[in-house]
Amino acid sequence: MTFATLLSSLKTFDGAAALTFEVDDRIIGAGYHVTELRHSLSTGIDCGGNVETWQEARLQLLDGPGETHMSLGKFRAIVEKSLDRLPELADVPLLVEFSPDNRGLKLMALDAPFMKDGRVSVKLRDSRALCKPAQKNRALDVATNACSGAPSAASACCGSDTSAVSASACCA
């Protein structure tokens, strides 16, 4: 999801409705606060020795006590104003930084918004670490070995047995 796709899907709902975020089937505090929208340009090297550069966006939410949840219209206005000032936020992968009860910051993915009990809700789900070379090799395996079901040696990248994998394939 990106900020642009999130905004587009939120525009299908009434701006006066409350906007809630759910984590582990619990609605975050009614006094939650949008603390930051951030664009990052990152460069990294993966376990296969591959150097990549990518962009990402972050929405940071602060859990908090309160009487009422932020309206969808107010949230949209915050995001739209931010995109006007920092347009590169719009079309890059979006993750949410959130600490349930402000303990243990988590990096979370967003599901599509939906109506629930008269409010608009967005589920936040845990993200996880990925081995990029193995992920790329699995995608290649699916494309080239779709009928055989046999994994290539490279798909074992960074697993418990990498003896069949060439040194240049992964785990630099």
C-alpha atoms as a PDB file:
ATOM      1  CA  MET A   1       0.000   0.000   0.000  1.00  0.00           C
ATOM      2  CA  THR A   2       1.075   3.596  -0.599  1.00  0.00           C
ATOM      3  CA  PHE A   3      -0.242   6.876   0.791  1.00  0.00           C
ATOM      4  CA  ALA A   4      -1.846   7.503  -2.621  1.00  0.00           C
ATOM      5  CA  THR A   5      -3.727   4.172  -2.582  1.00  0.00           C
ATOM      6  CA  LEU A   6      -4.690   4.661   1.079  1.00  0.00           C
ATOM      7  CA  LEU A   7      -6.094   8.123   0.342  1.00  0.00           C
ATOM      8  CA  SER A   8      -7.931   6.852  -2.716  1.00  0.00           C
ATOM      9  CA  SER A   9      -9.628   4.095  -0.739  1.00  0.00           C
ATOM     10  CA  LEU A  10     -10.430   6.426   2.177  1.00  0.00           C
ATOM     11  CA  LYS A  11     -12.184   8.864  -0.166  1.00  0.00           C
ATOM     12  CA  THR A  12     -14.928   6.281  -0.694  1.00  0.00           C
ATOM     13  CA  PHE A  13     -16.048   6.750   2.940  1.00  0.00           C
ATOM     14  CA  ASP A  14     -17.802   9.625   4.732  1.00  0.00           C
ATOM     15  CA  GLY A  15     -15.213  12.071   6.092  1.00  0.00           C
ATOM     16  CA  ALA A  16     -17.275  12.596   9.257  1.00  0.00           C
ATOM     17  CA  ALA A  17     -16.871   8.945  10.274  1.00  0.00           C
ATOM     18  CA  ALA A  18     -14.355   8.059  12.959  1.00  0.00           C
ATOM     19  CA  LEU A  19     -11.130   6.485  11.701  1.00  0.00           C
ATOM     20  CA  THR A  20      -9.795   3.644  13.808  1.00  0.00           C
ATOM     21  CA  PHE A  21      -6.758   1.438  13.520  1.00  0.00           C
ATOM     22  CA  GLU A  22      -6.870  -2.141  14.788  1.00  0.00           C
ATOM     23  CA  VAL A  23      -3.937  -4.163  16.069  1.00  0.00           C
ATOM     24  CA  ASP A  24      -4.454  -7.780  17.113  1.00  0.00           C
ATOM     25  CA  ASP A  25      -8.255  -7.292  17.086  1.00  0.00           C
ATOM     26  CA  ARG A  26      -7.947  -4.321  19.460  1.00  0.00           C
ATOM     27  CA  ILE A  27      -8.762  -0.747  18.480  1.00  0.00           C
ATOM     28  CA  ILE A  28      -5.936   1.649  19.283  1.00  0.00           C
ATOM     29  CA  GLY A  29      -6.669   4.459  21.739  1.00  0.00           C
ATOM     30  CA  ALA A  30      -9.242   7.077  20.800  1.00  0.00           C
ATOM     31  CA  GLY A  31      -6.640   9.769  21.442  1.00  0.00           C
ATOM     32  CA  TYR A  32      -4.131   8.375  18.931  1.00  0.00           C
ATOM     33  CA  HIS A  33      -1.998  10.995  17.256  1.00  0.00           C
ATOM     34  CA  VAL A  34      -0.351  11.142  13.839  1.00  0.00           C
ATOM     35  CA  THR A  35       3.169  12.064  14.920  1.00  0.00           C
ATOM     36  CA  GLU A  36       5.056  11.821  11.650  1.00  0.00           C
ATOM     37  CA  LEU A  37       4.854  11.025   7.961  1.00  0.00           C
ATOM     38  CA  ARG A  38       8.287  10.191   6.671  1.00  0.00           C
ATOM     39  CA  HIS A  39       9.917   9.489   3.315  1.00  0.00           C
ATOM     40  CA  SER A  40      13.180   7.569   3.339  1.00  0.00           C
ATOM     41  CA  LEU A  41      15.710   6.685   0.696  1.00  0.00           C
ATOM     42  CA  SER A  42      17.565   3.591   1.858  1.00  0.00           C
ATOM     43  CA  THR A  43      20.569   1.755   0.529  1.00  0.00           C
ATOM     44  CA  GLY A  44      21.407  -1.668   1.842  1.00  0.00           C
ATOM     45  CA  ILE A  45      23.298  -4.830   1.135  1.00  0.00           C
ATOM     46  CA  ASP A  46      21.489  -8.130   1.550  1.00  0.00           C
ATOM     47  CA  CYS A  47      22.811 -11.539   2.593  1.00  0.00           C
ATOM     48  CA  GLY A  48      23.525 -12.286  -1.060  1.00  0.00           C
ATOM     49  CA  GLY A  49      25.871  -9.330  -1.383  1.00  0.00           C
ATOM     50  CA  ASN A  50      23.401  -7.407  -3.553  1.00  0.00           C
ATOM     51  CA  VAL A  51      23.354  -3.647  -3.063  1.00  0.00           C
ATOM     52  CA  GLU A  52      19.958  -2.036  -3.604  1.00  0.00           C
ATOM     53  CA  THR A  53      18.451   1.393  -3.128  1.00  0.00           C
ATOM     54  CA  TRP A  54      14.756   1.854  -2.457  1.00  0.00           C
ATOM     55  CA  GLN A  55      12.257   4.386  -1.175  1.00  0.00           C
ATOM     56  CA  GLU A  56       9.660   3.918   1.505  1.00  0.00           C
ATOM     57  CA  ALA A  57       7.138   5.948   3.470  1.00  0.00           C
ATOM     58  CA  ARG A  58       6.244   5.705   7.133  1.00  0.00           C
ATOM     59  CA  LEU A  59       3.203   6.782   9.085  1.00  0.00           C
ATOM     60  CA  GLN A  60       3.927   6.999  12.789  1.00  0.00           C
ATOM     61  CA  LEU A  61       0.993   6.739  15.182  1.00  0.00           C
ATOM     62  CA  LEU A  62       1.178   7.451  18.899  1.00  0.00           C
ATOM     63  CA  ASP A  63      -1.265   5.500  21.060  1.00  0.00           C
ATOM     64  CA  GLY A  64      -3.126   7.627  23.542  1.00  0.00           C
ATOM     65  CA  PRO A  65      -6.132   8.063  25.760  1.00  0.00           C
ATOM     66  CA  GLY A  66      -9.007  10.113  24.492  1.00  0.00           C
ATOM     67  CA  GLU A  67     -12.744  10.484  24.230  1.00  0.00           C
ATOM     68  CA  THR A  68     -13.236  10.203  20.469  1.00  0.00           C
ATOM     69  CA  HIS A  69     -11.289   8.873  17.527  1.00  0.00           C
ATOM     70  CA  MET A  70      -9.973  11.231  14.873  1.00  0.00           C
ATOM     71  CA  SER A  71     -12.393  11.792  12.019  1.00  0.00           C
ATOM     72  CA  LEU A  72     -11.541  10.338   8.666  1.00  0.00           C
ATOM     73  CA  GLY A  73     -11.725  13.860   7.201  1.00  0.00           C
ATOM     74  CA  LYS A  74      -9.107  15.171   9.634  1.00  0.00           C
ATOM     75  CA  PHE A  75      -6.784  12.249   8.901  1.00  0.00           C
ATOM     76  CA  ARG A  76      -7.183  12.764   5.143  1.00  0.00           C
ATOM     77  CA  ALA A  77      -6.449  16.486   5.562  1.00  0.00           C
ATOM     78  CA  ILE A  78      -3.235  15.700   7.468  1.00  0.00           C
ATOM     79  CA  VAL A  79      -2.080  13.262   4.782  1.00  0.00           C
ATOM     80  CA  GLU A  80      -3.099  15.530   1.865  1.00  0.00           C
ATOM     81  CA  LYS A  81      -1.314  18.550   3.380  1.00  0.00           C
ATOM     82  CA  SER A  82       1.766  16.403   3.978  1.00  0.00           C
ATOM     83  CA  LEU A  83       1.723  15.099   0.394  1.00  0.00           C
ATOM     84  CA  ASP A  84       1.486  18.676  -0.904  1.00  0.00           C
ATOM     85  CA  ARG A  85       4.631  19.581   1.020  1.00  0.00           C
ATOM     86  CA  LEU A  86       6.443  16.262   0.490  1.00  0.00           C
ATOM     87  CA  PRO A  87       5.076  14.722  -2.741  1.00  0.00           C
ATOM     88  CA  GLU A  88       7.601  11.875  -2.771  1.00  0.00           C
ATOM     89  CA  LEU A  89       5.587  10.295   0.065  1.00  0.00           C
ATOM     90  CA  ALA A  90       2.702   9.464  -2.265  1.00  0.00           C
ATOM     91  CA  ASP A  91       3.757   6.497  -4.363  1.00  0.00           C
ATOM     92  CA  VAL A  92       6.284   4.468  -2.382  1.00  0.00           C
ATOM     93  CA  PRO A  93       5.594   1.470  -0.136  1.00  0.00           C
ATOM     94  CA  LEU A  94       3.992   2.543   3.134  1.00  0.00           C
ATOM     95  CA  LEU A  95       4.489   1.034   6.570  1.00  0.00           C
ATOM     96  CA  VAL A  96       3.150   2.135   9.954  1.00  0.00           C
ATOM     97  CA  GLU A  97       5.248   2.610  13.057  1.00  0.00           C
ATOM     98  CA  PHE A  98       3.155   1.955  16.135  1.00  0.00           C
ATOM     99  CA  SER A  99       3.645   0.986  19.788  1.00  0.00           C
ATOM    100  CA  PRO A 100       0.605  -0.583  21.434  1.00  0.00           C
ATOM    101  CA  ASP A 101       0.313   1.263  24.772  1.00  0.00           C
ATOM    102  CA  ASN A 102       3.493   3.096  23.661  1.00  0.00           C
ATOM    103  CA  ARG A 103       5.709   0.092  24.420  1.00  0.00           C
ATOM    104  CA  GLY A 104       7.788  -1.846  21.893  1.00  0.00           C
ATOM    105  CA  LEU A 105       7.687   0.047  18.590  1.00  0.00           C
ATOM    106  CA  LYS A 106       6.518  -2.192  15.748  1.00  0.00           C
ATOM    107  CA  LEU A 107       6.762  -1.808  12.003  1.00  0.00           C
ATOM    108  CA  MET A 108       3.381  -2.799  10.576  1.00  0.00           C
ATOM    109  CA  ALA A 109       1.644  -3.196   7.225  1.00  0.00           C
ATOM    110  CA  LEU A 110      -1.840  -1.835   6.486  1.00  0.00           C
ATOM    111  CA  ASP A 111      -4.861  -3.689   5.185  1.00  0.00           C
ATOM    112  CA  ALA A 112      -7.528  -1.965   3.098  1.00  0.00           C
ATOM    113  CA  PRO A 113      -9.954   0.230   5.069  1.00  0.00           C
ATOM    114  CA  PHE A 114     -13.454  -1.106   5.762  1.00  0.00           C
ATOM    115  CA  MET A 115     -16.639  -0.039   7.544  1.00  0.00           C
ATOM    116  CA  LYS A 116     -17.260  -1.550  10.954  1.00  0.00           C
ATOM    117  CA  ASP A 117     -19.878  -0.467  13.483  1.00  0.00           C
ATOM    118  CA  GLY A 118     -20.315   2.953  11.837  1.00  0.00           C
ATOM    119  CA  ARG A 119     -16.617   3.778  11.694  1.00  0.00           C
ATOM    120  CA  VAL A 120     -13.878   3.327   9.123  1.00  0.00           C
ATOM    121  CA  SER A 121     -11.261   0.879  10.317  1.00  0.00           C
ATOM    122  CA  VAL A 122      -7.805  -0.099   9.080  1.00  0.00           C
ATOM    123  CA  LYS A 123      -6.157  -3.263  10.352  1.00  0.00           C
ATOM    124  CA  LEU A 124      -2.452  -3.099  11.061  1.00  0.00           C
ATOM    125  CA  ARG A 125      -0.593  -6.374  10.822  1.00  0.00           C
ATOM    126  CA  ASP A 126       2.900  -7.380  11.766  1.00  0.00           C
ATOM    127  CA  SER A 127       5.555  -7.165   9.103  1.00  0.00           C
ATOM    128  CA  ARG A 128       8.444  -9.603   9.040  1.00  0.00           C
ATOM    129  CA  ALA A 129      12.030  -9.919   7.972  1.00  0.00           C
ATOM    130  CA  LEU A 130      12.670 -11.263   4.476  1.00  0.00           C
ATOM    131  CA  CYS A 131      15.683 -12.789   2.804  1.00  0.00           C
ATOM    132  CA  LYS A 132      15.644 -10.876  -0.494  1.00  0.00           C
ATOM    133  CA  PRO A 133      17.824 -13.319  -2.486  1.00  0.00           C
ATOM    134  CA  ALA A 134      15.672 -16.277  -1.409  1.00  0.00           C
ATOM    135  CA  GLN A 135      12.491 -14.322  -2.188  1.00  0.00           C
ATOM    136  CA  LYS A 136      13.789 -13.442  -5.665  1.00  0.00           C
ATOM    137  CA  ASN A 137      14.923 -17.018  -6.279  1.00  0.00           C
ATOM    138  CA  ARG A 138      11.550 -18.408  -5.175  1.00  0.00           C
ATOM    139  CA  ALA A 139       9.844 -16.099  -7.667  1.00  0.00           C
ATOM    140  CA  LEU A 140      12.258 -17.318 -10.352  1.00  0.00           C
ATOM    141  CA  ASP A 141      11.608 -20.946  -9.318  1.00  0.00           C
ATOM    142  CA  VAL A 142       7.870 -20.429  -9.707  1.00  0.00           C
ATOM    143  CA  ALA A 143       8.369 -18.929 -13.155  1.00  0.00           C
ATOM    144  CA  THR A 144      10.808 -21.585 -14.408  1.00  0.00           C
ATOM    145  CA  ASN A 145       9.783 -24.716 -12.499  1.00  0.00           C
ATOM    146  CA  ALA A 146       6.052 -24.166 -12.171  1.00  0.00           C
ATOM    147  CA  CYS A 147       5.222 -27.690 -13.329  1.00  0.00           C
ATOM    148  CA  SER A 148       8.017 -29.640 -11.661  1.00  0.00           C
ATOM    149  CA  GLY A 149       7.606 -28.291  -8.158  1.00  0.00           C
ATOM    150  CA  ALA A 150      11.337 -28.905  -7.660  1.00  0.00           C
ATOM    151  CA  PRO A 151      13.131 -26.038  -5.927  1.00  0.00           C
ATOM    152  CA  SER A 152      16.419 -24.887  -7.375  1.00  0.00           C
ATOM    153  CA  ALA A 153      19.566 -24.979  -5.271  1.00  0.00           C
ATOM    154  CA  ALA A 154      19.475 -21.186  -5.028  1.00  0.00           C
ATOM    155  CA  SER A 155      16.132 -21.278  -3.225  1.00  0.00           C
ATOM    156  CA  ALA A 156      17.924 -22.782  -0.232  1.00  0.00           C
ATOM    157  CA  CYS A 157      19.686 -19.455   0.209  1.00  0.00           C
ATOM    158  CA  CYS A 158      20.401 -18.643   3.835  1.00  0.00           C
ATOM    159  CA  GLY A 159      18.634 -21.775   5.011  1.00  0.00           C
ATOM    160  CA  SER A 160      20.186 -24.405   7.242  1.00  0.00           C
ATOM    161  CA  ASP A 161      21.894 -26.185   4.324  1.00  0.00           C
ATOM    162  CA  THR A 162      23.610 -23.832   1.907  1.00  0.00           C
ATOM    163  CA  SER A 163      26.261 -26.321   0.759  1.00  0.00           C
ATOM    164  CA  ALA A 164      24.558 -26.746  -2.620  1.00  0.00           C
ATOM    165  CA  VAL A 165      24.481 -22.998  -3.195  1.00  0.00           C
ATOM    166  CA  SER A 166      27.334 -21.257  -4.937  1.00  0.00           C
ATOM    167  CA  ALA A 167      29.135 -18.633  -2.890  1.00  0.00           C
ATOM    168  CA  SER A 168      28.059 -15.921  -5.317  1.00  0.00           C
ATOM    169  CA  ALA A 169      24.354 -16.868  -5.099  1.00  0.00           C
ATOM    170  CA  CYS A 170      23.747 -15.840  -1.516  1.00  0.00           C
ATOM    171  CA  CYS A 171      24.860 -15.447   2.065  1.00  0.00           C
ATOM    172  CA  ALA A 172      27.791 -13.126   1.297  1.00  0.00           C
END
